[in-house]
Protein backbone atom coordinates (compact mmCIF):
# COMPACT_ATOMS: atom_id res chain seq x y z
CA MET A 1 -33.60 15.96 35.88
CA ALA A 2 -31.40 13.15 37.14
CA HIS A 3 -27.94 12.81 35.66
CA TYR A 4 -26.76 9.35 34.74
CA ARG A 5 -23.22 8.66 35.90
CA PRO A 6 -21.63 5.47 34.61
CA SER A 7 -19.92 3.30 37.14
CA ASP A 8 -16.19 3.66 37.60
CA THR A 9 -15.59 0.26 36.02
CA LYS A 10 -17.44 1.33 32.86
CA ARG A 11 -15.39 4.50 32.73
CA GLU A 12 -12.19 2.56 33.21
CA GLN A 13 -13.17 0.09 30.47
CA PHE A 14 -14.00 2.96 28.14
CA ARG A 15 -10.71 4.70 28.94
CA ARG A 16 -8.77 1.49 28.19
CA TYR A 17 -10.73 1.08 24.95
CA LEU A 18 -9.78 4.62 23.86
CA GLU A 19 -6.14 4.01 24.76
CA LYS A 20 -6.04 0.68 22.87
CA ALA A 21 -7.63 2.25 19.81
CA GLY A 22 -5.02 5.02 19.78
CA VAL A 23 -7.58 7.76 20.34
CA VAL A 24 -5.88 9.14 23.44
CA ASP A 25 -2.50 9.31 21.69
CA SER A 26 -3.99 10.98 18.61
CA LEU A 27 -5.84 13.58 20.65
CA THR A 28 -2.78 14.24 22.76
CA SER A 29 -0.60 14.69 19.67
CA VAL A 30 -3.03 17.14 18.10
CA LEU A 31 -3.40 19.14 21.30
CA VAL A 32 0.38 19.27 21.74
CA ALA A 33 0.72 20.45 18.13
CA LEU A 34 -1.85 23.16 18.81
CA TYR A 35 -0.04 24.19 21.99
CA GLU A 36 3.29 24.37 20.17
CA GLN A 37 2.00 26.63 17.39
CA PRO A 38 3.97 29.89 17.41
CA GLU A 39 0.73 31.78 16.75
CA ARG A 40 -2.62 30.49 17.90
CA PRO A 41 -4.91 29.60 14.97
CA ASN A 42 -8.07 31.69 14.67
CA ASN A 43 -10.18 28.55 14.80
CA ALA A 44 -8.78 25.97 17.20
CA LEU A 45 -11.57 23.50 16.45
CA GLU A 46 -10.80 23.62 12.73
CA PHE A 47 -7.10 23.05 13.52
CA VAL A 48 -8.01 19.96 15.56
CA LYS A 49 -10.34 18.66 12.84
CA GLN A 50 -7.71 19.07 10.14
CA HIS A 51 -4.98 17.41 12.16
CA LEU A 52 -7.16 14.54 13.32
CA GLY A 53 -8.37 13.96 9.78
CA ALA A 54 -4.81 13.92 8.51
CA ALA A 55 -3.70 11.45 11.17
CA GLY A 56 -6.40 8.91 10.53
CA GLN A 57 -6.70 8.87 6.77
CA ILE A 58 -4.45 7.86 3.94
CA SER A 59 -4.53 10.43 1.17
CA ALA A 60 -5.38 9.44 -2.37
CA ASP A 61 -1.82 10.33 -3.39
CA THR A 62 -0.36 8.06 -0.74
CA GLU A 63 -2.63 5.21 -1.77
CA ALA A 64 -1.72 5.69 -5.44
CA LEU A 65 1.99 5.74 -4.61
CA GLN A 66 1.67 2.59 -2.52
CA GLN A 67 -0.02 0.83 -5.45
CA GLU A 68 2.69 2.08 -7.79
CA VAL A 69 5.37 0.65 -5.49
CA ILE A 70 3.60 -2.73 -5.53
CA ASP A 71 3.34 -2.65 -9.34
CA LEU A 72 6.99 -1.65 -9.78
CA ARG A 73 8.19 -4.38 -7.43
CA GLN A 74 6.23 -6.95 -9.42
CA ARG A 75 7.66 -5.59 -12.66
CA CYS A 76 11.17 -5.66 -11.20
CA ALA A 77 10.72 -9.30 -10.18
CA ARG A 78 9.48 -10.21 -13.68
CA LEU A 79 12.41 -8.40 -15.30
CA ALA A 80 14.90 -10.07 -12.97
CA GLU A 81 13.46 -13.46 -13.91
CA GLU A 82 13.59 -12.58 -17.61
CA ASN A 83 17.20 -11.40 -17.21
CA LYS A 84 18.10 -14.68 -15.52
CA ASP A 85 16.51 -16.67 -18.37
CA LEU A 86 18.33 -14.62 -21.01
CA LYS A 87 21.67 -15.09 -19.26
CA THR A 88 21.06 -18.83 -19.18
CA ARG A 89 20.32 -18.85 -22.93
CA VAL A 90 23.46 -16.84 -23.70
CA ASN A 91 25.59 -19.22 -21.63
CA LEU A 92 24.11 -22.21 -23.47
CA MET A 93 25.00 -20.66 -26.83
CA LEU A 94 28.63 -20.18 -25.87
């Protein structure tokens, strides 16, 4: 059986692609975290899966909190505008 070996340029392009996409940094971070564990986890693959999953996904809680921040900022802007209008009315009455 013959083994297919991609050309060096294809490898280099693929390596650059992985670096640009942040894959190399993510893998490196997870492997460093695994290395720095005081006690080795029983299942290293599960450790890597959990840490890679956490790095690439936004949790539902985070997403909900981000939406809440957006909503509260909009509400704050509306209340500031209402406050400005009320101050103007009070000044006109004086």
